[in-house]
Amino acid sequence: MKVTIDPTRCVGHGLCYMNAPSVYVDDDQGYGHPVGDGTLAPEQHADAELGAANCPERAITLTP
C-alpha cells in the first residue's frame, strides 16, 4: 500500500499525524506528509487508514 497527501487539499488540521505518527509527519507549517516515500509496510496499513479516515478534507489517498 502507498499513501499520498494532496497538498492542494490539506489545510493542516494535523489529525493524520496525531492519529498515526508512524505513517504521517508534519512540516514546518503543520501540513501532513507521508513518512518517506509513502510506501507502507503491512503493519502500517491500519494506521494509514485511521489517519485517512480522520482527514476532514479527504486529502489522503491510499492505493494498493
PDB file of N, CA and C in Angstrom:
ATOM      1  N   MET A   1       0.849  -1.173   0.000  1.00  0.00           N
ATOM      2  CA  MET A   1       0.000   0.000   0.000  1.00  0.00           C
ATOM      3  C   MET A   1       0.894   1.235   0.000  1.00  0.00           C
ATOM      4  N   LYS A   2       0.402   2.273  -0.641  1.00  0.00           N
ATOM      5  CA  LYS A   2       1.116   3.546  -0.681  1.00  0.00           C
ATOM      6  C   LYS A   2       0.145   4.654  -0.282  1.00  0.00           C
ATOM      7  N   VAL A   3       0.661   5.654   0.431  1.00  0.00           N
ATOM      8  CA  VAL A   3      -0.146   6.784   0.867  1.00  0.00           C
ATOM      9  C   VAL A   3       0.383   8.066   0.237  1.00  0.00           C
ATOM     10  N   THR A   4      -0.543   8.908  -0.211  1.00  0.00           N
ATOM     11  CA  THR A   4      -0.190  10.234  -0.708  1.00  0.00           C
ATOM     12  C   THR A   4      -1.136  11.248  -0.079  1.00  0.00           C
ATOM     13  N   ILE A   5      -0.676  12.473   0.023  1.00  0.00           N
ATOM     14  CA  ILE A   5      -1.498  13.567   0.540  1.00  0.00           C
ATOM     15  C   ILE A   5      -1.511  14.667  -0.511  1.00  0.00           C
ATOM     16  N   ASP A   6      -2.701  15.082  -0.900  1.00  0.00           N
ATOM     17  CA  ASP A   6      -2.869  16.148  -1.889  1.00  0.00           C
ATOM     18  C   ASP A   6      -2.595  17.486  -1.207  1.00  0.00           C
ATOM     19  N   PRO A   7      -1.488  18.163  -1.547  1.00  0.00           N
ATOM     20  CA  PRO A   7      -1.152  19.417  -0.874  1.00  0.00           C
ATOM     21  C   PRO A   7      -2.133  20.550  -1.162  1.00  0.00           C
ATOM     22  N   THR A   8      -2.914  20.424  -2.215  1.00  0.00           N
ATOM     23  CA  THR A   8      -3.901  21.472  -2.510  1.00  0.00           C
ATOM     24  C   THR A   8      -5.153  21.335  -1.644  1.00  0.00           C
ATOM     25  N   ARG A   9      -5.324  20.169  -1.016  1.00  0.00           N
ATOM     26  CA  ARG A   9      -6.496  19.939  -0.165  1.00  0.00           C
ATOM     27  C   ARG A   9      -6.167  19.981   1.321  1.00  0.00           C
ATOM     28  N   CYS A  10      -4.931  19.653   1.682  1.00  0.00           N
ATOM     29  CA  CYS A  10      -4.532  19.631   3.095  1.00  0.00           C
ATOM     30  C   CYS A  10      -4.482  21.067   3.624  1.00  0.00           C
ATOM     31  N   VAL A  11      -5.165  21.294   4.743  1.00  0.00           N
ATOM     32  CA  VAL A  11      -5.136  22.620   5.370  1.00  0.00           C
ATOM     33  C   VAL A  11      -4.435  22.602   6.726  1.00  0.00           C
ATOM     34  N   GLY A  12      -3.858  21.457   7.104  1.00  0.00           N
ATOM     35  CA  GLY A  12      -3.036  21.405   8.301  1.00  0.00           C
ATOM     36  C   GLY A  12      -3.763  21.161   9.604  1.00  0.00           C
ATOM     37  N   HIS A  13      -4.884  20.467   9.580  1.00  0.00           N
ATOM     38  CA  HIS A  13      -5.561  20.133  10.847  1.00  0.00           C
ATOM     39  C   HIS A  13      -4.681  19.256  11.731  1.00  0.00           C
ATOM     40  N   GLY A  14      -3.872  18.394  11.111  1.00  0.00           N
ATOM     41  CA  GLY A  14      -2.945  17.557  11.855  1.00  0.00           C
ATOM     42  C   GLY A  14      -3.527  16.258  12.381  1.00  0.00           C
ATOM     43  N   LEU A  15      -4.752  15.955  12.012  1.00  0.00           N
ATOM     44  CA  LEU A  15      -5.378  14.741  12.532  1.00  0.00           C
ATOM     45  C   LEU A  15      -4.708  13.481  12.009  1.00  0.00           C
ATOM     46  N   CYS A  16      -4.136  13.529  10.830  1.00  0.00           N
ATOM     47  CA  CYS A  16      -3.456  12.341  10.292  1.00  0.00           C
ATOM     48  C   CYS A  16      -2.238  12.002  11.154  1.00  0.00           C
ATOM     49  N   TYR A  17      -1.348  12.957  11.366  1.00  0.00           N
ATOM     50  CA  TYR A  17      -0.135  12.639  12.117  1.00  0.00           C
ATOM     51  C   TYR A  17      -0.369  12.544  13.615  1.00  0.00           C
ATOM     52  N   MET A  18      -1.443  13.116  14.130  1.00  0.00           N
ATOM     53  CA  MET A  18      -1.768  12.912  15.541  1.00  0.00           C
ATOM     54  C   MET A  18      -2.299  11.501  15.788  1.00  0.00           C
ATOM     55  N   ASN A  19      -3.052  10.960  14.822  1.00  0.00           N
ATOM     56  CA  ASN A  19      -3.631   9.624  14.969  1.00  0.00           C
ATOM     57  C   ASN A  19      -2.703   8.511  14.497  1.00  0.00           C
ATOM     58  N   ALA A  20      -1.794   8.801  13.604  1.00  0.00           N
ATOM     59  CA  ALA A  20      -0.921   7.768  13.041  1.00  0.00           C
ATOM     60  C   ALA A  20       0.483   8.305  12.793  1.00  0.00           C
ATOM     61  N   PRO A  21       1.226   8.602  13.857  1.00  0.00           N
ATOM     62  CA  PRO A  21       2.552   9.199  13.687  1.00  0.00           C
ATOM     63  C   PRO A  21       3.585   8.287  13.028  1.00  0.00           C
ATOM     64  N   SER A  22       3.301   6.998  12.928  1.00  0.00           N
ATOM     65  CA  SER A  22       4.242   6.114  12.242  1.00  0.00           C
ATOM     66  C   SER A  22       4.089   6.194  10.727  1.00  0.00           C
ATOM     67  N   VAL A  23       2.999   6.807  10.270  1.00  0.00           N
ATOM     68  CA  VAL A  23       2.700   6.885   8.839  1.00  0.00           C
ATOM     69  C   VAL A  23       2.791   8.314   8.313  1.00  0.00           C
ATOM     70  N   TYR A  24       2.388   9.270   9.135  1.00  0.00           N
ATOM     71  CA  TYR A  24       2.308  10.678   8.710  1.00  0.00           C
ATOM     72  C   TYR A  24       3.160  11.553   9.613  1.00  0.00           C
ATOM     73  N   VAL A  25       3.756  12.592   9.020  1.00  0.00           N
ATOM     74  CA  VAL A  25       4.530  13.590   9.756  1.00  0.00           C
ATOM     75  C   VAL A  25       4.069  14.968   9.312  1.00  0.00           C
ATOM     76  N   ASP A  26       4.465  15.977  10.064  1.00  0.00           N
ATOM     77  CA  ASP A  26       4.124  17.350   9.682  1.00  0.00           C
ATOM     78  C   ASP A  26       5.370  18.102   9.242  1.00  0.00           C
ATOM     79  N   ASP A  27       5.125  19.155   8.449  1.00  0.00           N
ATOM     80  CA  ASP A  27       6.231  20.009   8.035  1.00  0.00           C
ATOM     81  C   ASP A  27       6.271  21.239   8.941  1.00  0.00           C
ATOM     82  N   ASP A  28       7.079  22.218   8.596  1.00  0.00           N
ATOM     83  CA  ASP A  28       7.242  23.411   9.433  1.00  0.00           C
ATOM     84  C   ASP A  28       5.971  24.238   9.574  1.00  0.00           C
ATOM     85  N   GLN A  29       5.054  24.127   8.623  1.00  0.00           N
ATOM     86  CA  GLN A  29       3.798  24.867   8.685  1.00  0.00           C
ATOM     87  C   GLN A  29       2.643  24.029   9.241  1.00  0.00           C
ATOM     88  N   GLY A  30       2.903  22.773   9.588  1.00  0.00           N
ATOM     89  CA  GLY A  30       1.870  21.917  10.160  1.00  0.00           C
ATOM     90  C   GLY A  30       1.087  21.092   9.155  1.00  0.00           C
ATOM     91  N   TYR A  31       1.504  21.090   7.897  1.00  0.00           N
ATOM     92  CA  TYR A  31       0.829  20.290   6.880  1.00  0.00           C
ATOM     93  C   TYR A  31       1.336  18.848   6.940  1.00  0.00           C
ATOM     94  N   GLY A  32       0.446  17.899   6.700  1.00  0.00           N
ATOM     95  CA  GLY A  32       0.795  16.495   6.768  1.00  0.00           C
ATOM     96  C   GLY A  32       1.505  15.998   5.527  1.00  0.00           C
ATOM     97  N   HIS A  33       2.400  15.034   5.750  1.00  0.00           N
ATOM     98  CA  HIS A  33       3.140  14.365   4.681  1.00  0.00           C
ATOM     99  C   HIS A  33       3.327  12.912   5.084  1.00  0.00           C
ATOM    100  N   PRO A  34       3.364  12.015   4.108  1.00  0.00           N
ATOM    101  CA  PRO A  34       3.670  10.629   4.456  1.00  0.00           C
ATOM    102  C   PRO A  34       5.131  10.489   4.865  1.00  0.00           C
ATOM    103  N   VAL A  35       5.393   9.529   5.718  1.00  0.00           N
ATOM    104  CA  VAL A  35       6.768   9.222   6.096  1.00  0.00           C
ATOM    105  C   VAL A  35       7.476   8.626   4.884  1.00  0.00           C
ATOM    106  N   GLY A  36       8.684   9.053   4.627  1.00  0.00           N
ATOM    107  CA  GLY A  36       9.460   8.538   3.497  1.00  0.00           C
ATOM    108  C   GLY A  36       8.775   8.811   2.176  1.00  0.00           C
ATOM    109  N   ASP A  37       8.744   7.803   1.318  1.00  0.00           N
ATOM    110  CA  ASP A  37       8.108   7.976   0.003  1.00  0.00           C
ATOM    111  C   ASP A  37       6.640   7.556   0.011  1.00  0.00           C
ATOM    112  N   GLY A  38       6.114   7.222   1.183  1.00  0.00           N
ATOM    113  CA  GLY A  38       4.705   6.857   1.304  1.00  0.00           C
ATOM    114  C   GLY A  38       4.422   5.377   1.147  1.00  0.00           C
ATOM    115  N   THR A  39       5.452   4.580   0.864  1.00  0.00           N
ATOM    116  CA  THR A  39       5.270   3.136   0.760  1.00  0.00           C
ATOM    117  C   THR A  39       5.172   2.559   2.165  1.00  0.00           C
ATOM    118  N   LEU A  40       4.124   1.764   2.400  1.00  0.00           N
ATOM    119  CA  LEU A  40       3.841   1.269   3.742  1.00  0.00           C
ATOM    120  C   LEU A  40       4.120  -0.216   3.890  1.00  0.00           C
ATOM    121  N   ALA A  41       4.588  -0.579   5.054  1.00  0.00           N
ATOM    122  CA  ALA A  41       4.723  -1.983   5.427  1.00  0.00           C
ATOM    123  C   ALA A  41       3.333  -2.484   5.827  1.00  0.00           C
ATOM    124  N   PRO A  42       3.089  -3.776   5.714  1.00  0.00           N
ATOM    125  CA  PRO A  42       1.759  -4.300   6.061  1.00  0.00           C
ATOM    126  C   PRO A  42       1.281  -3.906   7.468  1.00  0.00           C
ATOM    127  N   GLU A  43       2.178  -3.828   8.419  1.00  0.00           N
ATOM    128  CA  GLU A  43       1.783  -3.471   9.794  1.00  0.00           C
ATOM    129  C   GLU A  43       1.386  -2.002   9.934  1.00  0.00           C
ATOM    130  N   GLN A  44       1.617  -1.175   8.909  1.00  0.00           N
ATOM    131  CA  GLN A  44       1.226   0.238   8.945  1.00  0.00           C
ATOM    132  C   GLN A  44      -0.133   0.495   8.297  1.00  0.00           C
ATOM    133  N   HIS A  45      -0.713  -0.487   7.645  1.00  0.00           N
ATOM    134  CA  HIS A  45      -1.955  -0.281   6.895  1.00  0.00           C
ATOM    135  C   HIS A  45      -3.097   0.225   7.774  1.00  0.00           C
ATOM    136  N   ALA A  46      -3.292  -0.352   8.933  1.00  0.00           N
ATOM    137  CA  ALA A  46      -4.387   0.070   9.814  1.00  0.00           C
ATOM    138  C   ALA A  46      -4.198   1.516  10.253  1.00  0.00           C
ATOM    139  N   ASP A  47      -2.965   1.895  10.584  1.00  0.00           N
ATOM    140  CA  ASP A  47      -2.698   3.281  10.981  1.00  0.00           C
ATOM    141  C   ASP A  47      -2.924   4.245   9.816  1.00  0.00           C
ATOM    142  N   ALA A  48      -2.519   3.842   8.610  1.00  0.00           N
ATOM    143  CA  ALA A  48      -2.736   4.681   7.436  1.00  0.00           C
ATOM    144  C   ALA A  48      -4.220   4.917   7.208  1.00  0.00           C
ATOM    145  N   GLU A  49      -5.016   3.878   7.358  1.00  0.00           N
ATOM    146  CA  GLU A  49      -6.466   4.003   7.190  1.00  0.00           C
ATOM    147  C   GLU A  49      -7.079   4.884   8.268  1.00  0.00           C
ATOM    148  N   LEU A  50      -6.583   4.771   9.500  1.00  0.00           N
ATOM    149  CA  LEU A  50      -7.070   5.619  10.590  1.00  0.00           C
ATOM    150  C   LEU A  50      -6.775   7.087  10.305  1.00  0.00           C
ATOM    151  N   GLY A  51      -5.562   7.380   9.881  1.00  0.00           N
ATOM    152  CA  GLY A  51      -5.201   8.762   9.551  1.00  0.00           C
ATOM    153  C   GLY A  51      -6.037   9.306   8.410  1.00  0.00           C
ATOM    154  N   ALA A  52      -6.243   8.502   7.382  1.00  0.00           N
ATOM    155  CA  ALA A  52      -7.044   8.932   6.230  1.00  0.00           C
ATOM    156  C   ALA A  52      -8.499   9.158   6.630  1.00  0.00           C
ATOM    157  N   ALA A  53      -9.034   8.292   7.461  1.00  0.00           N
ATOM    158  CA  ALA A  53     -10.435   8.416   7.883  1.00  0.00           C
ATOM    159  C   ALA A  53     -10.676   9.673   8.710  1.00  0.00           C
ATOM    160  N   ASN A  54      -9.632  10.175   9.367  1.00  0.00           N
ATOM    161  CA  ASN A  54      -9.771  11.355  10.208  1.00  0.00           C
ATOM    162  C   ASN A  54      -9.450  12.663   9.502  1.00  0.00           C
ATOM    163  N   CYS A  55      -9.122  12.607   8.226  1.00  0.00           N
ATOM    164  CA  CYS A  55      -8.816  13.821   7.474  1.00  0.00           C
ATOM    165  C   CYS A  55     -10.115  14.489   7.025  1.00  0.00           C
ATOM    166  N   PRO A  56     -10.448  15.668   7.569  1.00  0.00           N
ATOM    167  CA  PRO A  56     -11.703  16.325   7.207  1.00  0.00           C
ATOM    168  C   PRO A  56     -11.763  16.747   5.734  1.00  0.00           C
ATOM    169  N   GLU A  57     -10.623  17.008   5.125  1.00  0.00           N
ATOM    170  CA  GLU A  57     -10.589  17.452   3.730  1.00  0.00           C
ATOM    171  C   GLU A  57     -10.506  16.296   2.745  1.00  0.00           C
ATOM    172  N   ARG A  58     -10.343  15.074   3.253  1.00  0.00           N
ATOM    173  CA  ARG A  58     -10.180  13.889   2.396  1.00  0.00           C
ATOM    174  C   ARG A  58      -9.010  14.087   1.436  1.00  0.00           C
ATOM    175  N   ALA A  59      -7.908  14.608   1.980  1.00  0.00           N
ATOM    176  CA  ALA A  59      -6.720  14.898   1.176  1.00  0.00           C
ATOM    177  C   ALA A  59      -5.807  13.680   1.034  1.00  0.00           C
ATOM    178  N   ILE A  60      -6.118  12.599   1.763  1.00  0.00           N
ATOM    179  CA  ILE A  60      -5.254  11.434   1.788  1.00  0.00           C
ATOM    180  C   ILE A  60      -5.798  10.348   0.869  1.00  0.00           C
ATOM    181  N   THR A  61      -4.899   9.792   0.049  1.00  0.00           N
ATOM    182  CA  THR A  61      -5.261   8.690  -0.836  1.00  0.00           C
ATOM    183  C   THR A  61      -4.402   7.484  -0.495  1.00  0.00           C
ATOM    184  N   LEU A  62      -5.050   6.349  -0.362  1.00  0.00           N
ATOM    185  CA  LEU A  62      -4.354   5.081  -0.137  1.00  0.00           C
ATOM    186  C   LEU A  62      -4.539   4.229  -1.382  1.00  0.00           C
ATOM    187  N   THR A  63      -3.428   3.725  -1.926  1.00  0.00           N
ATOM    188  CA  THR A  63      -3.509   2.886  -3.117  1.00  0.00           C
ATOM    189  C   THR A  63      -2.810   1.561  -2.832  1.00  0.00           C
ATOM    190  N   PRO A  64      -3.361   0.468  -3.377  1.00  0.00           N
ATOM    191  CA  PRO A  64      -2.749  -0.852  -3.146  1.00  0.00           C
ATOM    192  C   PRO A  64      -1.350  -0.946  -3.735  1.00  0.00           C
TER     193      PRO A  64
END
